Amino acid sequence: MGQLGAINKLNRSDDTAPAGKTGGVEGSSFSAALQGATQAQGTCRPEDVARAARVQELKAQVANGQYQPDLTRVASSLLKFLAGGA
């Protein structure tokens, strides 16, 4: 079989571009938004870094079987929650 219209295996006409493969303004604005989101994720507050380190430390303790929470604080917090004062 031969070619149909202006379409061949190497070149496609503009109306047959695959979905999601648009160029121009839409593609560059999405790229800029993605780049901005990546930069925003890279700038963490020191509190966030400290919290992430503490979470990793606690995960390691749980995995090793060494985590021992303060049961008095847990009970106090649970009572506050159940009383509706959390």
Protein backbone atom coordinates (compact mmCIF):
# COMPACT_ATOMS: atom_id res chain seq x y z
CA MET A 1 0.00 0.00 0.00
CA GLY A 2 1.14 3.54 -0.62
CA GLN A 3 0.97 6.73 1.39
CA LEU A 4 -2.33 8.14 2.52
CA GLY A 5 -2.53 11.89 2.22
CA ALA A 6 0.55 13.77 3.49
CA ILE A 7 1.55 11.12 6.05
CA ASN A 8 4.56 8.85 5.74
CA LYS A 9 6.65 6.85 8.19
CA LEU A 10 9.32 9.51 8.68
CA ASN A 11 7.28 12.73 8.75
CA ARG A 12 3.85 13.38 10.14
CA SER A 13 1.57 16.20 9.24
CA ASP A 14 0.64 18.61 12.04
CA ASP A 15 -2.84 17.17 12.47
CA THR A 16 -1.52 13.67 13.24
CA ALA A 17 0.92 14.48 16.06
CA PRO A 18 0.53 12.07 18.96
CA ALA A 19 -1.37 13.27 22.02
CA GLY A 20 0.79 14.97 24.61
CA LYS A 21 3.52 15.82 22.11
CA THR A 22 2.67 19.45 21.65
CA GLY A 23 5.35 22.06 21.39
CA GLY A 24 5.35 25.78 21.50
CA VAL A 25 3.98 27.85 24.34
CA GLU A 26 2.16 25.05 26.20
CA GLY A 27 5.25 22.83 26.33
CA SER A 28 7.53 25.58 27.55
CA SER A 29 5.09 26.82 30.23
CA PHE A 30 4.72 23.30 31.59
CA SER A 31 8.48 22.94 31.63
CA ALA A 32 8.85 26.23 33.48
CA ALA A 33 6.23 25.19 36.04
CA LEU A 34 7.93 21.86 36.58
CA GLN A 35 11.28 23.55 37.00
CA GLY A 36 9.79 25.98 39.53
CA ALA A 37 8.28 23.12 41.52
CA THR A 38 11.61 21.30 41.57
CA GLN A 39 13.38 24.40 42.88
CA ALA A 40 10.71 24.89 45.55
CA GLN A 41 11.26 21.34 46.79
CA GLY A 42 14.99 21.94 47.02
CA THR A 43 14.58 24.85 49.44
CA CYS A 44 13.64 23.29 52.77
CA ARG A 45 13.39 25.07 56.07
CA PRO A 46 15.85 23.96 58.76
CA GLU A 47 12.92 22.72 60.85
CA ASP A 48 11.88 20.40 58.02
CA VAL A 49 15.40 18.99 57.76
CA ALA A 50 15.57 18.39 61.53
CA ARG A 51 12.14 16.75 61.50
CA ALA A 52 13.10 14.45 58.63
CA ALA A 53 16.26 13.43 60.50
CA ARG A 54 14.23 12.68 63.64
CA VAL A 55 11.73 10.61 61.64
CA GLN A 56 14.58 8.58 60.13
CA GLU A 57 16.04 8.04 63.60
CA LEU A 58 12.69 6.82 64.94
CA LYS A 59 12.20 4.52 61.95
CA ALA A 60 15.58 2.94 62.61
CA GLN A 61 14.68 2.43 66.29
CA VAL A 62 11.37 0.78 65.36
CA ALA A 63 13.10 -1.46 62.81
CA ASN A 64 15.70 -2.54 65.40
CA GLY A 65 13.07 -3.11 68.11
CA GLN A 66 14.67 -0.40 70.27
CA TYR A 67 11.84 2.16 70.16
CA GLN A 68 10.32 2.65 73.61
CA PRO A 69 7.83 5.54 73.76
CA ASP A 70 7.05 7.34 77.01
CA LEU A 71 3.79 5.62 77.89
CA THR A 72 2.73 8.38 80.28
CA ARG A 73 2.94 10.97 77.49
CA VAL A 74 1.11 8.64 75.09
CA ALA A 75 -1.70 8.08 77.61
CA SER A 76 -1.94 11.82 78.34
CA SER A 77 -2.15 12.64 74.65
CA LEU A 78 -4.73 9.93 74.09
CA LEU A 79 -6.91 11.22 76.92
CA LYS A 80 -6.73 14.77 75.53
CA PHE A 81 -7.74 13.47 72.11
CA LEU A 82 -10.65 11.43 73.45
CA ALA A 83 -11.85 14.35 75.55
CA GLY A 84 -11.88 16.54 72.44
CA GLY A 85 -9.13 18.88 73.58
CA ALA A 86 -6.52 17.79 71.07
